[in-house]
Amino acid sequence: MPLTTTGTGAGTIEAGYLNKSSLCSFLGGTTKPLGKSTINDWIKERGFPKPIRLSQTLALWRVSEVIQWLSLIHISETTRQ
């Protein structure tokens, strides 16, 4: 399994890992990426997947876990309406 995905956006493969910068682009788009502090807030407040820590400075997120979380958020928001 690769350490990082081959790209960002909707066409990204589900197997792989994203660092925080790539994760922000993946979630927010390349023109207006999500803020890095938003990821930290979502981990604390919204059940966003925690990263895999490889060192003190390197954390990676599994793309499959992020996509699963997005699906759960989408389902919970559509059932509220």
N, C-alpha and C. Protein backbone atom coordinates (compact mmCIF):
# COMPACT_ATOMS: atom_id res chain seq x y z
N MET A 1 0.84 -1.17 0.00
CA MET A 1 0.00 0.00 0.00
C MET A 1 0.89 1.24 0.00
N PRO A 2 0.56 2.24 -0.81
CA PRO A 2 1.42 3.43 -0.88
C PRO A 2 1.30 4.29 0.37
N LEU A 3 2.34 5.08 0.63
CA LEU A 3 2.32 5.96 1.78
C LEU A 3 1.41 7.16 1.57
N THR A 4 1.26 7.61 0.35
CA THR A 4 0.36 8.72 0.06
C THR A 4 -0.45 8.39 -1.17
N THR A 5 -1.54 9.10 -1.37
CA THR A 5 -2.35 8.86 -2.55
C THR A 5 -1.70 9.52 -3.75
N THR A 6 -2.20 9.21 -4.93
CA THR A 6 -1.62 9.76 -6.15
C THR A 6 -2.16 11.13 -6.49
N GLY A 7 -3.20 11.57 -5.83
CA GLY A 7 -3.78 12.88 -6.13
C GLY A 7 -4.80 13.27 -5.08
N THR A 8 -5.52 14.36 -5.35
CA THR A 8 -6.55 14.79 -4.42
C THR A 8 -7.85 14.99 -5.18
N GLY A 9 -8.93 15.07 -4.45
CA GLY A 9 -10.22 15.32 -5.06
C GLY A 9 -11.02 14.05 -5.21
N ALA A 10 -12.10 14.14 -5.96
CA ALA A 10 -13.04 13.05 -6.08
C ALA A 10 -12.45 11.82 -6.76
N GLY A 11 -11.45 11.98 -7.60
CA GLY A 11 -10.88 10.85 -8.32
C GLY A 11 -9.80 10.10 -7.56
N THR A 12 -9.53 10.48 -6.33
CA THR A 12 -8.47 9.86 -5.55
C THR A 12 -8.85 8.43 -5.18
N ILE A 13 -7.89 7.54 -5.25
CA ILE A 13 -8.14 6.17 -4.84
C ILE A 13 -8.39 6.12 -3.34
N GLU A 14 -9.19 5.14 -2.90
CA GLU A 14 -9.54 5.05 -1.49
C GLU A 14 -8.45 4.40 -0.65
N ALA A 15 -7.56 3.63 -1.27
CA ALA A 15 -6.47 3.02 -0.53
C ALA A 15 -5.33 4.02 -0.45
N GLY A 16 -4.76 4.19 0.70
CA GLY A 16 -3.64 5.08 0.83
C GLY A 16 -3.77 5.99 2.03
N TYR A 17 -2.87 6.94 2.12
CA TYR A 17 -2.76 7.82 3.26
C TYR A 17 -2.57 9.26 2.80
N LEU A 18 -3.00 10.19 3.64
CA LEU A 18 -2.83 11.61 3.35
C LEU A 18 -2.17 12.29 4.54
N ASN A 19 -1.20 13.18 4.25
CA ASN A 19 -0.68 14.01 5.33
C ASN A 19 -1.66 15.15 5.55
N LYS A 20 -1.43 16.01 6.53
CA LYS A 20 -2.41 17.03 6.89
C LYS A 20 -2.66 18.03 5.76
N SER A 21 -1.63 18.45 5.07
CA SER A 21 -1.81 19.38 3.96
C SER A 21 -2.63 18.76 2.84
N SER A 22 -2.33 17.52 2.49
CA SER A 22 -3.08 16.82 1.45
C SER A 22 -4.51 16.56 1.89
N LEU A 23 -4.70 16.25 3.17
CA LEU A 23 -6.03 16.04 3.71
C LEU A 23 -6.88 17.30 3.60
N CYS A 24 -6.29 18.44 3.91
CA CYS A 24 -7.01 19.72 3.80
C CYS A 24 -7.44 20.00 2.36
N SER A 25 -6.57 19.70 1.41
CA SER A 25 -6.92 19.87 0.00
C SER A 25 -7.97 18.86 -0.44
N PHE A 26 -7.84 17.64 0.05
CA PHE A 26 -8.79 16.57 -0.28
C PHE A 26 -10.20 16.94 0.18
N LEU A 27 -10.31 17.52 1.37
CA LEU A 27 -11.61 17.85 1.93
C LEU A 27 -12.16 19.18 1.44
N GLY A 28 -11.29 20.14 1.17
CA GLY A 28 -11.76 21.46 0.82
C GLY A 28 -11.55 21.86 -0.63
N GLY A 29 -10.75 21.11 -1.35
CA GLY A 29 -10.44 21.46 -2.74
C GLY A 29 -9.11 22.17 -2.82
N THR A 30 -8.54 22.21 -3.99
CA THR A 30 -7.21 22.80 -4.15
C THR A 30 -7.27 24.32 -4.20
N THR A 31 -8.40 24.90 -4.63
CA THR A 31 -8.49 26.36 -4.70
C THR A 31 -8.72 26.99 -3.33
N LYS A 32 -9.45 26.30 -2.46
CA LYS A 32 -9.68 26.80 -1.11
C LYS A 32 -9.62 25.63 -0.13
N PRO A 33 -8.42 25.17 0.21
CA PRO A 33 -8.29 24.02 1.10
C PRO A 33 -8.85 24.32 2.49
N LEU A 34 -9.24 23.28 3.16
CA LEU A 34 -9.73 23.36 4.53
C LEU A 34 -8.58 23.80 5.43
N GLY A 35 -8.87 24.56 6.46
CA GLY A 35 -7.83 24.99 7.41
C GLY A 35 -7.34 23.83 8.26
N LYS A 36 -6.06 23.81 8.55
CA LYS A 36 -5.48 22.73 9.36
C LYS A 36 -6.07 22.67 10.75
N SER A 37 -6.41 23.81 11.33
CA SER A 37 -6.99 23.81 12.68
C SER A 37 -8.40 23.23 12.67
N THR A 38 -9.09 23.29 11.52
CA THR A 38 -10.42 22.69 11.41
C THR A 38 -10.35 21.19 11.61
N ILE A 39 -9.30 20.56 11.10
CA ILE A 39 -9.12 19.12 11.28
C ILE A 39 -9.02 18.81 12.78
N ASN A 40 -8.22 19.59 13.50
CA ASN A 40 -8.09 19.37 14.95
C ASN A 40 -9.42 19.54 15.66
N ASP A 41 -10.20 20.55 15.26
CA ASP A 41 -11.51 20.78 15.86
C ASP A 41 -12.44 19.61 15.59
N TRP A 42 -12.44 19.12 14.34
CA TRP A 42 -13.31 18.00 13.99
C TRP A 42 -12.95 16.74 14.76
N ILE A 43 -11.66 16.51 15.02
CA ILE A 43 -11.24 15.34 15.80
C ILE A 43 -11.83 15.44 17.20
N LYS A 44 -11.76 16.62 17.80
CA LYS A 44 -12.26 16.82 19.17
C LYS A 44 -13.78 16.83 19.26
N GLU A 45 -14.44 17.44 18.27
CA GLU A 45 -15.87 17.73 18.40
C GLU A 45 -16.79 16.89 17.52
N ARG A 46 -16.29 16.34 16.42
CA ARG A 46 -17.19 15.69 15.46
C ARG A 46 -16.82 14.24 15.15
N GLY A 47 -15.89 13.68 15.90
CA GLY A 47 -15.55 12.28 15.69
C GLY A 47 -14.73 11.99 14.44
N PHE A 48 -14.02 13.00 13.94
CA PHE A 48 -13.17 12.79 12.77
C PHE A 48 -12.07 11.79 13.12
N PRO A 49 -11.68 10.93 12.16
CA PRO A 49 -10.66 9.92 12.45
C PRO A 49 -9.35 10.55 12.94
N LYS A 50 -8.75 9.91 13.93
CA LYS A 50 -7.46 10.37 14.43
C LYS A 50 -6.36 9.90 13.47
N PRO A 51 -5.28 10.66 13.40
CA PRO A 51 -4.20 10.27 12.49
C PRO A 51 -3.36 9.13 13.05
N ILE A 52 -2.60 8.54 12.16
CA ILE A 52 -1.59 7.56 12.54
C ILE A 52 -0.30 8.36 12.70
N ARG A 53 0.28 8.33 13.87
CA ARG A 53 1.50 9.09 14.13
C ARG A 53 2.71 8.22 13.81
N LEU A 54 3.50 8.67 12.85
CA LEU A 54 4.72 7.96 12.49
C LEU A 54 5.93 8.54 13.22
N SER A 55 5.82 9.81 13.59
CA SER A 55 6.85 10.48 14.38
C SER A 55 6.18 11.68 15.04
N GLN A 56 6.93 12.48 15.75
CA GLN A 56 6.36 13.67 16.39
C GLN A 56 5.86 14.68 15.36
N THR A 57 6.46 14.68 14.19
CA THR A 57 6.09 15.66 13.18
C THR A 57 5.31 15.09 11.99
N LEU A 58 5.18 13.78 11.90
CA LEU A 58 4.50 13.18 10.74
C LEU A 58 3.27 12.39 11.19
N ALA A 59 2.12 12.84 10.72
CA ALA A 59 0.85 12.16 10.98
C ALA A 59 0.16 11.93 9.65
N LEU A 60 -0.41 10.74 9.48
CA LEU A 60 -1.11 10.40 8.25
C LEU A 60 -2.51 9.90 8.57
N TRP A 61 -3.44 10.20 7.66
CA TRP A 61 -4.82 9.73 7.78
C TRP A 61 -5.08 8.70 6.71
N ARG A 62 -5.80 7.63 7.06
CA ARG A 62 -6.23 6.65 6.06
C ARG A 62 -7.37 7.25 5.25
N VAL A 63 -7.23 7.23 3.94
CA VAL A 63 -8.25 7.78 3.05
C VAL A 63 -9.57 7.05 3.26
N SER A 64 -9.52 5.74 3.43
CA SER A 64 -10.74 4.95 3.62
C SER A 64 -11.50 5.40 4.87
N GLU A 65 -10.80 5.73 5.96
CA GLU A 65 -11.46 6.18 7.19
C GLU A 65 -12.08 7.56 7.00
N VAL A 66 -11.40 8.42 6.27
CA VAL A 66 -11.92 9.77 6.01
C VAL A 66 -13.19 9.67 5.17
N ILE A 67 -13.18 8.83 4.13
CA ILE A 67 -14.35 8.67 3.28
C ILE A 67 -15.51 8.06 4.07
N GLN A 68 -15.21 7.11 4.93
CA GLN A 68 -16.25 6.51 5.77
C GLN A 68 -16.86 7.56 6.70
N TRP A 69 -16.04 8.41 7.30
CA TRP A 69 -16.53 9.49 8.18
C TRP A 69 -17.40 10.46 7.39
N LEU A 70 -16.97 10.84 6.19
CA LEU A 70 -17.77 11.73 5.36
C LEU A 70 -19.13 11.13 5.04
N SER A 71 -19.17 9.83 4.78
CA SER A 71 -20.44 9.16 4.50
C SER A 71 -21.35 9.19 5.72
N LEU A 72 -20.80 8.96 6.90
CA LEU A 72 -21.59 8.99 8.13
C LEU A 72 -22.14 10.38 8.40
N ILE A 73 -21.32 11.40 8.18
CA ILE A 73 -21.76 12.78 8.38
C ILE A 73 -22.89 13.11 7.40
N HIS A 74 -22.72 12.69 6.15
CA HIS A 74 -23.73 12.96 5.13
C HIS A 74 -25.06 12.27 5.50
N ILE A 75 -24.99 11.04 5.95
CA ILE A 75 -26.19 10.30 6.33
C ILE A 75 -26.88 10.97 7.52
N SER A 76 -26.11 11.37 8.52
CA SER A 76 -26.71 11.99 9.70
C SER A 76 -27.34 13.34 9.37
N GLU A 77 -26.75 14.09 8.44
CA GLU A 77 -27.31 15.38 8.05
C GLU A 77 -28.57 15.22 7.21
N THR A 78 -28.61 14.20 6.36
CA THR A 78 -29.80 14.00 5.53
C THR A 78 -30.96 13.44 6.34
N THR A 79 -30.69 12.70 7.39
CA THR A 79 -31.79 12.17 8.22
C THR A 79 -32.36 13.26 9.14
N ARG A 80 -31.59 14.30 9.42
CA ARG A 80 -32.08 15.41 10.24
C ARG A 80 -33.07 16.27 9.49
N GLN A 81 -32.97 16.31 8.20
CA GLN A 81 -33.81 17.23 7.40
C GLN A 81 -35.19 16.72 7.20
